[in-house]
Amino acid sequence: MGTPHADLEKLTAPKLRELAIAKYPSITGVSGMKKEDLVEAIIAEEVRLGLRPKEEKAQATATMGTGQLKTAIRGLKGVLEGGERAQMKTARLQIKRMKRRLRKLRKAS
């Protein structure tokens, strides 16, 4: 069985690099990857090896188009204006990830 997605998200980037090098030597470019890319690469490799079902690979933002991502970002920005500290922190993280996804979509098209 593959490593659960939540456990991968909890690890730091250096720990993810060590894990990728130790368990999955076929993943190339590990030293230059960011945390999000490392998590995606590890999941993709586990899917390729049959350790994880294919459905688990896709995330909610992966299926969203640019319009849906922009709408979700606007909604999260409302949380930043009058939310608690913990909510604001998670909202900032989600916005950051969605913006990365938007940039990848723009680059791909």
PDB file of N, CA and C in Angstrom:
ATOM      1  N   MET A   1       0.842  -1.184   0.000  1.00  0.00           N
ATOM      2  CA  MET A   1       0.000   0.000   0.000  1.00  0.00           C
ATOM      3  C   MET A   1       0.880   1.237   0.000  1.00  0.00           C
ATOM      4  N   GLY A   2       0.474   2.254  -0.696  1.00  0.00           N
ATOM      5  CA  GLY A   2       1.236   3.490  -0.797  1.00  0.00           C
ATOM      6  C   GLY A   2       1.098   4.350   0.445  1.00  0.00           C
ATOM      7  N   THR A   3       1.908   5.358   0.521  1.00  0.00           N
ATOM      8  CA  THR A   3       1.869   6.300   1.626  1.00  0.00           C
ATOM      9  C   THR A   3       0.633   7.178   1.488  1.00  0.00           C
ATOM     10  N   PRO A   4      -0.165   7.341   2.557  1.00  0.00           N
ATOM     11  CA  PRO A   4      -1.362   8.188   2.458  1.00  0.00           C
ATOM     12  C   PRO A   4      -1.008   9.632   2.088  1.00  0.00           C
ATOM     13  N   HIS A   5      -1.881  10.269   1.317  1.00  0.00           N
ATOM     14  CA  HIS A   5      -1.650  11.635   0.836  1.00  0.00           C
ATOM     15  C   HIS A   5      -1.476  12.600   2.006  1.00  0.00           C
ATOM     16  N   ALA A   6      -2.270  12.438   3.059  1.00  0.00           N
ATOM     17  CA  ALA A   6      -2.186  13.332   4.218  1.00  0.00           C
ATOM     18  C   ALA A   6      -0.816  13.234   4.891  1.00  0.00           C
ATOM     19  N   ASP A   7      -0.277  12.017   4.948  1.00  0.00           N
ATOM     20  CA  ASP A   7       1.050  11.841   5.548  1.00  0.00           C
ATOM     21  C   ASP A   7       2.133  12.506   4.702  1.00  0.00           C
ATOM     22  N   LEU A   8       1.983  12.436   3.380  1.00  0.00           N
ATOM     23  CA  LEU A   8       2.955  13.090   2.505  1.00  0.00           C
ATOM     24  C   LEU A   8       2.903  14.607   2.673  1.00  0.00           C
ATOM     25  N   GLU A   9       1.703  15.154   2.822  1.00  0.00           N
ATOM     26  CA  GLU A   9       1.550  16.604   2.987  1.00  0.00           C
ATOM     27  C   GLU A   9       2.170  17.100   4.292  1.00  0.00           C
ATOM     28  N   LYS A  10       2.185  16.249   5.314  1.00  0.00           N
ATOM     29  CA  LYS A  10       2.738  16.642   6.608  1.00  0.00           C
ATOM     30  C   LYS A  10       4.265  16.716   6.601  1.00  0.00           C
ATOM     31  N   LEU A  11       4.884  15.943   5.719  1.00  0.00           N
ATOM     32  CA  LEU A  11       6.350  15.903   5.665  1.00  0.00           C
ATOM     33  C   LEU A  11       6.910  17.195   5.074  1.00  0.00           C
ATOM     34  N   THR A  12       8.123  17.527   5.480  1.00  0.00           N
ATOM     35  CA  THR A  12       8.800  18.690   4.914  1.00  0.00           C
ATOM     36  C   THR A  12       9.425  18.304   3.577  1.00  0.00           C
ATOM     37  N   ALA A  13       9.813  19.299   2.803  1.00  0.00           N
ATOM     38  CA  ALA A  13      10.408  19.044   1.489  1.00  0.00           C
ATOM     39  C   ALA A  13      11.689  18.203   1.587  1.00  0.00           C
ATOM     40  N   PRO A  14      12.608  18.500   2.522  1.00  0.00           N
ATOM     41  CA  PRO A  14      13.807  17.648   2.622  1.00  0.00           C
ATOM     42  C   PRO A  14      13.483  16.186   2.957  1.00  0.00           C
ATOM     43  N   LYS A  15      12.494  15.975   3.832  1.00  0.00           N
ATOM     44  CA  LYS A  15      12.101  14.602   4.179  1.00  0.00           C
ATOM     45  C   LYS A  15      11.478  13.901   2.970  1.00  0.00           C
ATOM     46  N   LEU A  16      10.686  14.651   2.186  1.00  0.00           N
ATOM     47  CA  LEU A  16      10.102  14.084   0.976  1.00  0.00           C
ATOM     48  C   LEU A  16      11.186  13.712  -0.031  1.00  0.00           C
ATOM     49  N   ARG A  17      12.222  14.539  -0.131  1.00  0.00           N
ATOM     50  CA  ARG A  17      13.332  14.229  -1.028  1.00  0.00           C
ATOM     51  C   ARG A  17      14.020  12.933  -0.614  1.00  0.00           C
ATOM     52  N   GLU A  18      14.278  12.802   0.711  1.00  0.00           N
ATOM     53  CA  GLU A  18      14.913  11.584   1.215  1.00  0.00           C
ATOM     54  C   GLU A  18      14.055  10.361   0.921  1.00  0.00           C
ATOM     55  N   LEU A  19      12.748  10.496   1.135  1.00  0.00           N
ATOM     56  CA  LEU A  19      11.824   9.394   0.875  1.00  0.00           C
ATOM     57  C   LEU A  19      11.827   9.016  -0.601  1.00  0.00           C
ATOM     58  N   ALA A  20      11.779  10.021  -1.462  1.00  0.00           N
ATOM     59  CA  ALA A  20      11.747   9.763  -2.902  1.00  0.00           C
ATOM     60  C   ALA A  20      13.039   9.091  -3.369  1.00  0.00           C
ATOM     61  N   ILE A  21      14.163   9.534  -2.863  1.00  0.00           N
ATOM     62  CA  ILE A  21      15.441   8.948  -3.268  1.00  0.00           C
ATOM     63  C   ILE A  21      15.568   7.518  -2.743  1.00  0.00           C
ATOM     64  N   ALA A  22      15.135   7.294  -1.499  1.00  0.00           N
ATOM     65  CA  ALA A  22      15.277   5.974  -0.895  1.00  0.00           C
ATOM     66  C   ALA A  22      14.303   4.941  -1.480  1.00  0.00           C
ATOM     67  N   LYS A  23      13.022   5.309  -1.585  1.00  0.00           N
ATOM     68  CA  LYS A  23      12.011   4.333  -1.991  1.00  0.00           C
ATOM     69  C   LYS A  23      11.761   4.282  -3.493  1.00  0.00           C
ATOM     70  N   TYR A  24      11.922   5.416  -4.169  1.00  0.00           N
ATOM     71  CA  TYR A  24      11.579   5.503  -5.590  1.00  0.00           C
ATOM     72  C   TYR A  24      12.738   6.104  -6.393  1.00  0.00           C
ATOM     73  N   PRO A  25      13.794   5.333  -6.631  1.00  0.00           N
ATOM     74  CA  PRO A  25      14.955   5.869  -7.350  1.00  0.00           C
ATOM     75  C   PRO A  25      14.674   6.201  -8.815  1.00  0.00           C
ATOM     76  N   SER A  26      13.545   5.740  -9.348  1.00  0.00           N
ATOM     77  CA  SER A  26      13.237   6.041 -10.750  1.00  0.00           C
ATOM     78  C   SER A  26      12.715   7.463 -10.945  1.00  0.00           C
ATOM     79  N   ILE A  27      12.378   8.158  -9.859  1.00  0.00           N
ATOM     80  CA  ILE A  27      11.944   9.556  -9.966  1.00  0.00           C
ATOM     81  C   ILE A  27      13.194  10.408 -10.180  1.00  0.00           C
ATOM     82  N   THR A  28      13.215  11.180 -11.265  1.00  0.00           N
ATOM     83  CA  THR A  28      14.386  12.004 -11.554  1.00  0.00           C
ATOM     84  C   THR A  28      14.104  13.468 -11.233  1.00  0.00           C
ATOM     85  N   GLY A  29      15.134  14.209 -10.901  1.00  0.00           N
ATOM     86  CA  GLY A  29      15.011  15.638 -10.631  1.00  0.00           C
ATOM     87  C   GLY A  29      14.479  15.961  -9.256  1.00  0.00           C
ATOM     88  N   VAL A  30      14.616  15.037  -8.324  1.00  0.00           N
ATOM     89  CA  VAL A  30      14.064  15.208  -6.981  1.00  0.00           C
ATOM     90  C   VAL A  30      14.680  16.409  -6.271  1.00  0.00           C
ATOM     91  N   SER A  31      15.956  16.625  -6.441  1.00  0.00           N
ATOM     92  CA  SER A  31      16.633  17.688  -5.700  1.00  0.00           C
ATOM     93  C   SER A  31      16.158  19.085  -6.091  1.00  0.00           C
ATOM     94  N   GLY A  32      15.610  19.240  -7.273  1.00  0.00           N
ATOM     95  CA  GLY A  32      15.149  20.553  -7.717  1.00  0.00           C
ATOM     96  C   GLY A  32      13.665  20.768  -7.571  1.00  0.00           C
ATOM     97  N   MET A  33      12.933  19.777  -7.063  1.00  0.00           N
ATOM     98  CA  MET A  33      11.477  19.883  -6.965  1.00  0.00           C
ATOM     99  C   MET A  33      11.036  20.603  -5.701  1.00  0.00           C
ATOM    100  N   LYS A  34       9.896  21.267  -5.810  1.00  0.00           N
ATOM    101  CA  LYS A  34       9.262  21.879  -4.637  1.00  0.00           C
ATOM    102  C   LYS A  34       8.387  20.824  -3.979  1.00  0.00           C
ATOM    103  N   LYS A  35       7.900  21.140  -2.775  1.00  0.00           N
ATOM    104  CA  LYS A  35       7.147  20.175  -1.989  1.00  0.00           C
ATOM    105  C   LYS A  35       5.941  19.638  -2.755  1.00  0.00           C
ATOM    106  N   GLU A  36       5.162  20.524  -3.353  1.00  0.00           N
ATOM    107  CA  GLU A  36       3.964  20.100  -4.075  1.00  0.00           C
ATOM    108  C   GLU A  36       4.318  19.159  -5.226  1.00  0.00           C
ATOM    109  N   ASP A  37       5.398  19.484  -5.937  1.00  0.00           N
ATOM    110  CA  ASP A  37       5.837  18.641  -7.045  1.00  0.00           C
ATOM    111  C   ASP A  37       6.332  17.278  -6.556  1.00  0.00           C
ATOM    112  N   LEU A  38       7.010  17.276  -5.399  1.00  0.00           N
ATOM    113  CA  LEU A  38       7.491  16.022  -4.826  1.00  0.00           C
ATOM    114  C   LEU A  38       6.329  15.103  -4.461  1.00  0.00           C
ATOM    115  N   VAL A  39       5.310  15.680  -3.823  1.00  0.00           N
ATOM    116  CA  VAL A  39       4.139  14.888  -3.436  1.00  0.00           C
ATOM    117  C   VAL A  39       3.479  14.292  -4.681  1.00  0.00           C
ATOM    118  N   GLU A  40       3.298  15.110  -5.700  1.00  0.00           N
ATOM    119  CA  GLU A  40       2.685  14.629  -6.942  1.00  0.00           C
ATOM    120  C   GLU A  40       3.532  13.548  -7.603  1.00  0.00           C
ATOM    121  N   ALA A  41       4.855  13.709  -7.604  1.00  0.00           N
ATOM    122  CA  ALA A  41       5.742  12.725  -8.223  1.00  0.00           C
ATOM    123  C   ALA A  41       5.702  11.399  -7.463  1.00  0.00           C
ATOM    124  N   ILE A  42       5.688  11.470  -6.146  1.00  0.00           N
ATOM    125  CA  ILE A  42       5.640  10.243  -5.338  1.00  0.00           C
ATOM    126  C   ILE A  42       4.317   9.512  -5.575  1.00  0.00           C
ATOM    127  N   ILE A  43       3.221  10.260  -5.586  1.00  0.00           N
ATOM    128  CA  ILE A  43       1.914   9.649  -5.824  1.00  0.00           C
ATOM    129  C   ILE A  43       1.862   9.030  -7.219  1.00  0.00           C
ATOM    130  N   ALA A  44       2.367   9.751  -8.210  1.00  0.00           N
ATOM    131  CA  ALA A  44       2.373   9.231  -9.576  1.00  0.00           C
ATOM    132  C   ALA A  44       3.202   7.945  -9.670  1.00  0.00           C
ATOM    133  N   GLU A  45       4.324   7.900  -8.986  1.00  0.00           N
ATOM    134  CA  GLU A  45       5.172   6.710  -9.010  1.00  0.00           C
ATOM    135  C   GLU A  45       4.475   5.537  -8.309  1.00  0.00           C
ATOM    136  N   GLU A  46       3.781   5.825  -7.200  1.00  0.00           N
ATOM    137  CA  GLU A  46       3.049   4.767  -6.507  1.00  0.00           C
ATOM    138  C   GLU A  46       1.919   4.232  -7.385  1.00  0.00           C
ATOM    139  N   VAL A  47       1.268   5.107  -8.125  1.00  0.00           N
ATOM    140  CA  VAL A  47       0.220   4.671  -9.050  1.00  0.00           C
ATOM    141  C   VAL A  47       0.833   3.803 -10.144  1.00  0.00           C
ATOM    142  N   ARG A  48       1.978   4.242 -10.655  1.00  0.00           N
ATOM    143  CA  ARG A  48       2.652   3.493 -11.720  1.00  0.00           C
ATOM    144  C   ARG A  48       3.057   2.100 -11.244  1.00  0.00           C
ATOM    145  N   LEU A  49       3.496   1.988  -9.987  1.00  0.00           N
ATOM    146  CA  LEU A  49       3.914   0.702  -9.433  1.00  0.00           C
ATOM    147  C   LEU A  49       2.737  -0.146  -8.958  1.00  0.00           C
ATOM    148  N   GLY A  50       1.541   0.422  -8.956  1.00  0.00           N
ATOM    149  CA  GLY A  50       0.358  -0.316  -8.519  1.00  0.00           C
ATOM    150  C   GLY A  50       0.147  -0.328  -7.018  1.00  0.00           C
ATOM    151  N   LEU A  51       0.825   0.560  -6.304  1.00  0.00           N
ATOM    152  CA  LEU A  51       0.674   0.636  -4.850  1.00  0.00           C
ATOM    153  C   LEU A  51      -0.513   1.487  -4.423  1.00  0.00           C
ATOM    154  N   ARG A  52      -1.078   2.210  -5.353  1.00  0.00           N
ATOM    155  CA  ARG A  52      -2.149   3.155  -5.049  1.00  0.00           C
ATOM    156  C   ARG A  52      -3.129   3.153  -6.225  1.00  0.00           C
ATOM    157  N   PRO A  53      -4.435   3.273  -5.942  1.00  0.00           N
ATOM    158  CA  PRO A  53      -5.402   3.343  -7.055  1.00  0.00           C
ATOM    159  C   PRO A  53      -5.281   4.656  -7.812  1.00  0.00           C
ATOM    160  N   LYS A  54      -5.637   4.650  -9.086  1.00  0.00           N
ATOM    161  CA  LYS A  54      -5.487   5.829  -9.925  1.00  0.00           C
ATOM    162  C   LYS A  54      -6.353   6.995  -9.482  1.00  0.00           C
ATOM    163  N   GLU A  55      -7.532   6.737  -8.931  1.00  0.00           N
ATOM    164  CA  GLU A  55      -8.441   7.813  -8.547  1.00  0.00           C
ATOM    165  C   GLU A  55      -7.846   8.730  -7.485  1.00  0.00           C
ATOM    166  N   GLU A  56      -7.009   8.177  -6.630  1.00  0.00           N
ATOM    167  CA  GLU A  56      -6.446   8.953  -5.534  1.00  0.00           C
ATOM    168  C   GLU A  56      -5.456  10.008  -6.020  1.00  0.00           C
ATOM    169  N   LYS A  57      -4.946   9.839  -7.226  1.00  0.00           N
ATOM    170  CA  LYS A  57      -3.942  10.752  -7.764  1.00  0.00           C
ATOM    171  C   LYS A  57      -4.507  12.148  -8.004  1.00  0.00           C
ATOM    172  N   ALA A  58      -5.722  12.235  -8.486  1.00  0.00           N
ATOM    173  CA  ALA A  58      -6.319  13.526  -8.832  1.00  0.00           C
ATOM    174  C   ALA A  58      -6.758  14.273  -7.581  1.00  0.00           C
ATOM    175  N   GLN A  59      -6.483  15.566  -7.553  1.00  0.00           N
ATOM    176  CA  GLN A  59      -6.924  16.417  -6.462  1.00  0.00           C
ATOM    177  C   GLN A  59      -8.084  17.258  -6.949  1.00  0.00           C
ATOM    178  N   ALA A  60      -8.757  17.929  -6.027  1.00  0.00           N
ATOM    179  CA  ALA A  60      -9.927  18.726  -6.383  1.00  0.00           C
ATOM    180  C   ALA A  60      -9.555  19.819  -7.379  1.00  0.00           C
ATOM    181  N   THR A  61      -8.422  20.477  -7.179  1.00  0.00           N
ATOM    182  CA  THR A  61      -8.041  21.564  -8.075  1.00  0.00           C
ATOM    183  C   THR A  61      -7.581  21.062  -9.433  1.00  0.00           C
ATOM    184  N   ALA A  62      -7.201  19.794  -9.506  1.00  0.00           N
ATOM    185  CA  ALA A  62      -6.721  19.255 -10.775  1.00  0.00           C
ATOM    186  C   ALA A  62      -7.839  19.183 -11.811  1.00  0.00           C
ATOM    187  N   THR A  63      -9.072  19.032 -11.358  1.00  0.00           N
ATOM    188  CA  THR A  63     -10.192  18.926 -12.281  1.00  0.00           C
ATOM    189  C   THR A  63     -10.832  20.278 -12.575  1.00  0.00           C
ATOM    190  N   MET A  64     -10.440  21.301 -11.846  1.00  0.00           N
ATOM    191  CA  MET A  64     -11.038  22.623 -12.023  1.00  0.00           C
ATOM    192  C   MET A  64     -10.404  23.345 -13.209  1.00  0.00           C
ATOM    193  N   GLY A  65     -11.219  24.124 -13.894  1.00  0.00           N
ATOM    194  CA  GLY A  65     -10.713  24.961 -14.971  1.00  0.00           C
ATOM    195  C   GLY A  65     -10.265  26.302 -14.413  1.00  0.00           C
ATOM    196  N   THR A  66      -9.783  27.179 -15.284  1.00  0.00           N
ATOM    197  CA  THR A  66      -9.271  28.468 -14.831  1.00  0.00           C
ATOM    198  C   THR A  66     -10.376  29.311 -14.200  1.00  0.00           C
ATOM    199  N   GLY A  67     -11.556  29.307 -14.774  1.00  0.00           N
ATOM    200  CA  GLY A  67     -12.656  30.102 -14.222  1.00  0.00           C
ATOM    201  C   GLY A  67     -13.053  29.642 -12.828  1.00  0.00           C
ATOM    202  N   GLN A  68     -13.121  28.334 -12.640  1.00  0.00           N
ATOM    203  CA  GLN A  68     -13.476  27.791 -11.334  1.00  0.00           C
ATOM    204  C   GLN A  68     -12.391  28.087 -10.301  1.00  0.00           C
ATOM    205  N   LEU A  69     -11.137  27.994 -10.706  1.00  0.00           N
ATOM    206  CA  LEU A  69     -10.039  28.299  -9.786  1.00  0.00           C
ATOM    207  C   LEU A  69     -10.084  29.760  -9.352  1.00  0.00           C
ATOM    208  N   LYS A  70     -10.314  30.660 -10.314  1.00  0.00           N
ATOM    209  CA  LYS A  70     -10.373  32.083  -9.985  1.00  0.00           C
ATOM    210  C   LYS A  70     -11.523  32.384  -9.028  1.00  0.00           C
ATOM    211  N   THR A  71     -12.669  31.753  -9.248  1.00  0.00           N
ATOM    212  CA  THR A  71     -13.816  31.949  -8.363  1.00  0.00           C
ATOM    213  C   THR A  71     -13.502  31.435  -6.959  1.00  0.00           C
ATOM    214  N   ALA A  72     -12.858  30.286  -6.860  1.00  0.00           N
ATOM    215  CA  ALA A  72     -12.500  29.728  -5.563  1.00  0.00           C
ATOM    216  C   ALA A  72     -11.497  30.628  -4.843  1.00  0.00           C
ATOM    217  N   ILE A  73     -10.553  31.201  -5.592  1.00  0.00           N
ATOM    218  CA  ILE A  73      -9.565  32.104  -4.985  1.00  0.00           C
ATOM    219  C   ILE A  73     -10.259  33.339  -4.431  1.00  0.00           C
ATOM    220  N   ARG A  74     -11.198  33.901  -5.201  1.00  0.00           N
ATOM    221  CA  ARG A  74     -11.940  35.078  -4.726  1.00  0.00           C
ATOM    222  C   ARG A  74     -12.703  34.766  -3.441  1.00  0.00           C
ATOM    223  N   GLY A  75     -13.300  33.595  -3.384  1.00  0.00           N
ATOM    224  CA  GLY A  75     -14.023  33.185  -2.184  1.00  0.00           C
ATOM    225  C   GLY A  75     -13.103  33.055  -0.981  1.00  0.00           C
ATOM    226  N   LEU A  76     -11.923  32.517  -1.204  1.00  0.00           N
ATOM    227  CA  LEU A  76     -10.969  32.366  -0.102  1.00  0.00           C
ATOM    228  C   LEU A  76     -10.415  33.705   0.356  1.00  0.00           C
ATOM    229  N   LYS A  77     -10.334  34.669  -0.548  1.00  0.00           N
ATOM    230  CA  LYS A  77      -9.846  35.994  -0.153  1.00  0.00           C
ATOM    231  C   LYS A  77     -10.803  36.658   0.820  1.00  0.00           C
ATOM    232  N   GLY A  78     -12.085  36.311   0.752  1.00  0.00           N
ATOM    233  CA  GLY A  78     -13.056  36.821   1.721  1.00  0.00           C
ATOM    234  C   GLY A  78     -12.762  36.327   3.127  1.00  0.00           C
ATOM    235  N   VAL A  79     -12.236  35.121   3.241  1.00  0.00           N
ATOM    236  CA  VAL A  79     -11.859  34.568   4.545  1.00  0.00           C
ATOM    237  C   VAL A  79     -10.692  35.351   5.128  1.00  0.00           C
ATOM    238  N   LEU A  80      -9.801  35.827   4.268  1.00  0.00           N
ATOM    239  CA  LEU A  80      -8.618  36.554   4.740  1.00  0.00           C
ATOM    240  C   LEU A  80      -8.980  37.864   5.417  1.00  0.00           C
ATOM    241  N   GLU A  81     -10.091  38.466   5.009  1.00  0.00           N
ATOM    242  CA  GLU A  81     -10.461  39.769   5.561  1.00  0.00           C
ATOM    243  C   GLU A  81     -10.953  39.681   6.997  1.00  0.00           C
ATOM    244  N   GLY A  82     -11.747  38.678   7.317  1.00  0.00           N
ATOM    245  CA  GLY A  82     -12.293  38.640   8.675  1.00  0.00           C
ATOM    246  C   GLY A  82     -12.353  37.252   9.242  1.00  0.00           C
ATOM    247  N   GLY A  83     -11.262  36.561   9.248  1.00  0.00           N
ATOM    248  CA  GLY A  83     -11.260  35.203   9.767  1.00  0.00           C
ATOM    249  C   GLY A  83     -10.317  35.044  10.943  1.00  0.00           C
ATOM    250  N   GLU A  84     -10.379  33.884  11.534  1.00  0.00           N
ATOM    251  CA  GLU A  84      -9.460  33.576  12.621  1.00  0.00           C
ATOM    252  C   GLU A  84      -8.076  33.289  12.045  1.00  0.00           C
ATOM    253  N   ARG A  85      -7.107  33.308  12.907  1.00  0.00           N
ATOM    254  CA  ARG A  85      -5.719  33.129  12.474  1.00  0.00           C
ATOM    255  C   ARG A  85      -5.505  31.787  11.771  1.00  0.00           C
ATOM    256  N   ALA A  86      -6.056  30.715  12.332  1.00  0.00           N
ATOM    257  CA  ALA A  86      -5.876  29.389  11.741  1.00  0.00           C
ATOM    258  C   ALA A  86      -6.570  29.305  10.386  1.00  0.00           C
ATOM    259  N   GLN A  87      -7.768  29.877  10.289  1.00  0.00           N
ATOM    260  CA  GLN A  87      -8.492  29.873   9.022  1.00  0.00           C
ATOM    261  C   GLN A  87      -7.740  30.677   7.973  1.00  0.00           C
ATOM    262  N   MET A  88      -7.177  31.797   8.389  1.00  0.00           N
ATOM    263  CA  MET A  88      -6.440  32.642   7.458  1.00  0.00           C
ATOM    264  C   MET A  88      -5.211  31.904   6.924  1.00  0.00           C
ATOM    265  N   LYS A  89      -4.551  31.171   7.802  1.00  0.00           N
ATOM    266  CA  LYS A  89      -3.350  30.441   7.396  1.00  0.00           C
ATOM    267  C   LYS A  89      -3.687  29.371   6.357  1.00  0.00           C
ATOM    268  N   THR A  90      -4.748  28.605   6.602  1.00  0.00           N
ATOM    269  CA  THR A  90      -5.123  27.572   5.640  1.00  0.00           C
ATOM    270  C   THR A  90      -5.629  28.187   4.335  1.00  0.00           C
ATOM    271  N   ALA A  91      -6.327  29.314   4.448  1.00  0.00           N
ATOM    272  CA  ALA A  91      -6.825  29.988   3.241  1.00  0.00           C
ATOM    273  C   ALA A  91      -5.654  30.474   2.387  1.00  0.00           C
ATOM    274  N   ARG A  92      -4.636  31.044   3.023  1.00  0.00           N
ATOM    275  CA  ARG A  92      -3.457  31.503   2.283  1.00  0.00           C
ATOM    276  C   ARG A  92      -2.779  30.343   1.572  1.00  0.00           C
ATOM    277  N   LEU A  93      -2.668  29.221   2.252  1.00  0.00           N
ATOM    278  CA  LEU A  93      -2.046  28.040   1.660  1.00  0.00           C
ATOM    279  C   LEU A  93      -2.850  27.537   0.462  1.00  0.00           C
ATOM    280  N   GLN A  94      -4.167  27.496   0.609  1.00  0.00           N
ATOM    281  CA  GLN A  94      -5.010  27.054  -0.502  1.00  0.00           C
ATOM    282  C   GLN A  94      -4.922  28.008  -1.682  1.00  0.00           C
ATOM    283  N   ILE A  95      -4.906  29.308  -1.405  1.00  0.00           N
ATOM    284  CA  ILE A  95      -4.793  30.306  -2.477  1.00  0.00           C
ATOM    285  C   ILE A  95      -3.470  30.124  -3.213  1.00  0.00           C
ATOM    286  N   LYS A  96      -2.406  29.911  -2.451  1.00  0.00           N
ATOM    287  CA  LYS A  96      -1.079  29.725  -3.043  1.00  0.00           C
ATOM    288  C   LYS A  96      -1.070  28.524  -3.980  1.00  0.00           C
ATOM    289  N   ARG A  97      -1.672  27.421  -3.541  1.00  0.00           N
ATOM    290  CA  ARG A  97      -1.711  26.215  -4.367  1.00  0.00           C
ATOM    291  C   ARG A  97      -2.559  26.423  -5.615  1.00  0.00           C
ATOM    292  N   MET A  98      -3.686  27.109  -5.453  1.00  0.00           N
ATOM    293  CA  MET A  98      -4.558  27.349  -6.606  1.00  0.00           C
ATOM    294  C   MET A  98      -3.893  28.269  -7.621  1.00  0.00           C
ATOM    295  N   LYS A  99      -3.140  29.260  -7.140  1.00  0.00           N
ATOM    296  CA  LYS A  99      -2.430  30.144  -8.065  1.00  0.00           C
ATOM    297  C   LYS A  99      -1.350  29.389  -8.824  1.00  0.00           C
ATOM    298  N   ARG A 100      -0.666  28.463  -8.142  1.00  0.00           N
ATOM    299  CA  ARG A 100       0.325  27.628  -8.821  1.00  0.00           C
ATOM    300  C   ARG A 100      -0.339  26.822  -9.928  1.00  0.00           C
ATOM    301  N   ARG A 101      -1.500  26.264  -9.596  1.00  0.00           N
ATOM    302  CA  ARG A 101      -2.236  25.466 -10.579  1.00  0.00           C
ATOM    303  C   ARG A 101      -2.649  26.324 -11.772  1.00  0.00           C
ATOM    304  N   LEU A 102      -3.075  27.559 -11.500  1.00  0.00           N
ATOM    305  CA  LEU A 102      -3.443  28.488 -12.585  1.00  0.00           C
ATOM    306  C   LEU A 102      -2.252  28.757 -13.493  1.00  0.00           C
ATOM    307  N   ARG A 103      -1.083  28.999 -12.886  1.00  0.00           N
ATOM    308  CA  ARG A 103       0.106  29.259 -13.683  1.00  0.00           C
ATOM    309  C   ARG A 103       0.463  28.048 -14.552  1.00  0.00           C
ATOM    310  N   LYS A 104       0.310  26.848 -13.988  1.00  0.00           N
ATOM    311  CA  LYS A 104       0.601  25.646 -14.768  1.00  0.00           C
ATOM    312  C   LYS A 104      -0.372  25.500 -15.926  1.00  0.00           C
ATOM    313  N   LEU A 105      -1.646  25.817 -15.680  1.00  0.00           N
ATOM    314  CA  LEU A 105      -2.640  25.736 -16.749  1.00  0.00           C
ATOM    315  C   LEU A 105      -2.347  26.735 -17.853  1.00  0.00           C
ATOM    316  N   ARG A 106      -1.952  27.953 -17.466  1.00  0.00           N
ATOM    317  CA  ARG A 106      -1.622  28.976 -18.470  1.00  0.00           C
ATOM    318  C   ARG A 106      -0.398  28.578 -19.280  1.00  0.00           C
ATOM    319  N   LYS A 107       0.586  28.003 -18.603  1.00  0.00           N
ATOM    320  CA  LYS A 107       1.813  27.593 -19.271  1.00  0.00           C
ATOM    321  C   LYS A 107       1.543  26.444 -20.249  1.00  0.00           C
ATOM    322  N   ALA A 108       0.625  25.557 -19.871  1.00  0.00           N
ATOM    323  CA  ALA A 108       0.304  24.419 -20.716  1.00  0.00           C
ATOM    324  C   ALA A 108      -0.464  24.807 -21.963  1.00  0.00           C
ATOM    325  N   SER A 109      -1.240  25.896 -21.870  1.00  0.00           N
ATOM    326  CA  SER A 109      -2.053  26.275 -23.036  1.00  0.00           C
ATOM    327  C   SER A 109      -1.349  27.210 -23.982  1.00  0.00           C
TER     328      SER A 109
END
